[in-house]
């Protein structure tokens, strides 16, 4: 029977295990990774803020452009209505 199978053999106490340095190393690495993630998220947030500002600027430009197009279409509508009236008058005179 080997020593590991001997039921009467005492197990070492928890103090005999030196796990603290390993746990501290793991925690330090986790903290480093967390710091890197935070820096990455900060960078992404800055880029998103920039994209959102550009989108807002584009929205404003589009609204202005659509207003201009709408005014031009309204002016064309008035001119077309006037031309239709004039054409009708010409056709009436020709008949």
Protein backbone atom coordinates (compact mmCIF):
# COMPACT_ATOMS: atom_id res chain seq x y z
CA UNK A 1 0.00 0.00 0.00
CA UNK A 2 1.40 3.39 -0.95
CA UNK A 3 1.51 6.42 1.30
CA UNK A 4 -1.32 8.12 -0.60
CA UNK A 5 -3.63 5.18 0.03
CA UNK A 6 -2.90 4.98 3.75
CA UNK A 7 -6.10 6.19 5.53
CA UNK A 8 -4.22 6.82 8.74
CA UNK A 9 -1.77 9.22 7.14
CA UNK A 10 -2.37 12.81 8.15
CA UNK A 11 -2.99 15.35 5.46
CA UNK A 12 -0.92 18.52 5.46
CA UNK A 13 -2.58 21.55 6.98
CA UNK A 14 -3.71 24.38 4.70
CA UNK A 15 -0.86 26.49 6.04
CA UNK A 16 1.56 24.00 4.46
CA UNK A 17 0.38 25.03 1.02
CA UNK A 18 1.86 28.21 -0.35
CA UNK A 19 -0.99 29.32 -2.64
CA UNK A 20 -0.89 33.01 -1.77
CA UNK A 21 1.87 33.95 -4.22
CA UNK A 22 0.09 32.10 -7.02
CA UNK A 23 -3.24 33.74 -6.20
CA UNK A 24 -1.59 37.16 -6.04
CA UNK A 25 0.00 36.55 -9.44
CA UNK A 26 -3.33 35.52 -10.92
CA UNK A 27 -5.06 38.56 -9.43
CA UNK A 28 -2.30 40.86 -10.71
CA UNK A 29 -2.66 39.45 -14.22
CA UNK A 30 -6.44 39.79 -14.03
CA UNK A 31 -6.06 43.42 -12.94
CA UNK A 32 -3.67 44.08 -15.83
CA UNK A 33 -6.18 42.59 -18.23
CA UNK A 34 -8.95 44.65 -16.67
CA UNK A 35 -6.88 47.83 -17.04
CA UNK A 36 -6.26 46.99 -20.71
CA UNK A 37 -9.98 46.38 -21.22
CA UNK A 38 -10.84 49.70 -19.60
CA UNK A 39 -8.35 51.51 -21.83
CA UNK A 40 -9.80 49.75 -24.86
CA UNK A 41 -13.34 50.68 -23.89
CA UNK A 42 -12.29 54.29 -23.35
CA UNK A 43 -10.81 54.33 -26.84
CA UNK A 44 -13.95 52.81 -28.33
CA UNK A 45 -16.12 55.31 -26.45
CA UNK A 46 -14.07 58.20 -27.85
CA UNK A 47 -14.46 56.85 -31.36
CA UNK A 48 -18.20 56.36 -30.87
CA UNK A 49 -18.56 59.92 -29.60
CA UNK A 50 -16.79 61.15 -32.73
CA UNK A 51 -19.02 59.02 -34.98
CA UNK A 52 -22.15 60.25 -33.19
CA UNK A 53 -21.04 63.87 -33.65
CA UNK A 54 -20.43 63.26 -37.35
CA UNK A 55 -23.84 61.59 -37.72
CA UNK A 56 -25.49 64.57 -36.03
CA UNK A 57 -23.67 66.92 -38.40
CA UNK A 58 -24.79 64.86 -41.40
CA UNK A 59 -28.40 64.90 -40.15
CA UNK A 60 -28.29 68.68 -39.96
CA UNK A 61 -26.81 68.94 -43.45
CA UNK A 62 -29.42 66.54 -44.83
CA UNK A 63 -32.28 68.49 -43.27
CA UNK A 64 -30.93 71.70 -44.79
CA UNK A 65 -30.52 70.01 -48.17
CA UNK A 66 -34.01 68.55 -48.09
CA UNK A 67 -35.47 71.96 -47.23
CA UNK A 68 -33.70 73.44 -50.28
CA UNK A 69 -34.98 70.64 -52.53
CA UNK A 70 -38.49 71.08 -51.15
CA UNK A 71 -38.42 74.82 -51.91
CA UNK A 72 -37.18 74.14 -55.45
CA UNK A 73 -39.89 71.55 -56.02
CA UNK A 74 -42.52 73.98 -54.73
CA UNK A 75 -41.22 76.67 -57.12
CA UNK A 76 -41.30 74.17 -60.00
CA UNK A 77 -44.85 73.19 -59.05
CA UNK A 78 -45.93 76.84 -59.24
CA UNK A 79 -44.22 77.25 -62.62
CA UNK A 80 -45.79 74.04 -63.95
CA UNK A 81 -49.24 75.15 -62.82
CA UNK A 82 -48.67 78.54 -64.49
CA UNK A 83 -47.48 76.86 -67.70
CA UNK A 84 -50.50 74.55 -67.68
CA UNK A 85 -52.80 77.55 -67.36
CA UNK A 86 -51.02 79.35 -70.19
CA UNK A 87 -51.11 76.23 -72.40
CA UNK A 88 -54.83 75.83 -71.77
CA UNK A 89 -55.35 79.49 -72.74
CA UNK A 90 -53.32 79.03 -75.92
CA UNK A 91 -55.27 75.90 -76.86
CA UNK A 92 -58.56 77.72 -76.23
CA UNK A 93 -57.44 80.61 -78.47
CA UNK A 94 -56.29 78.24 -81.20
CA UNK A 95 -59.60 76.43 -81.30
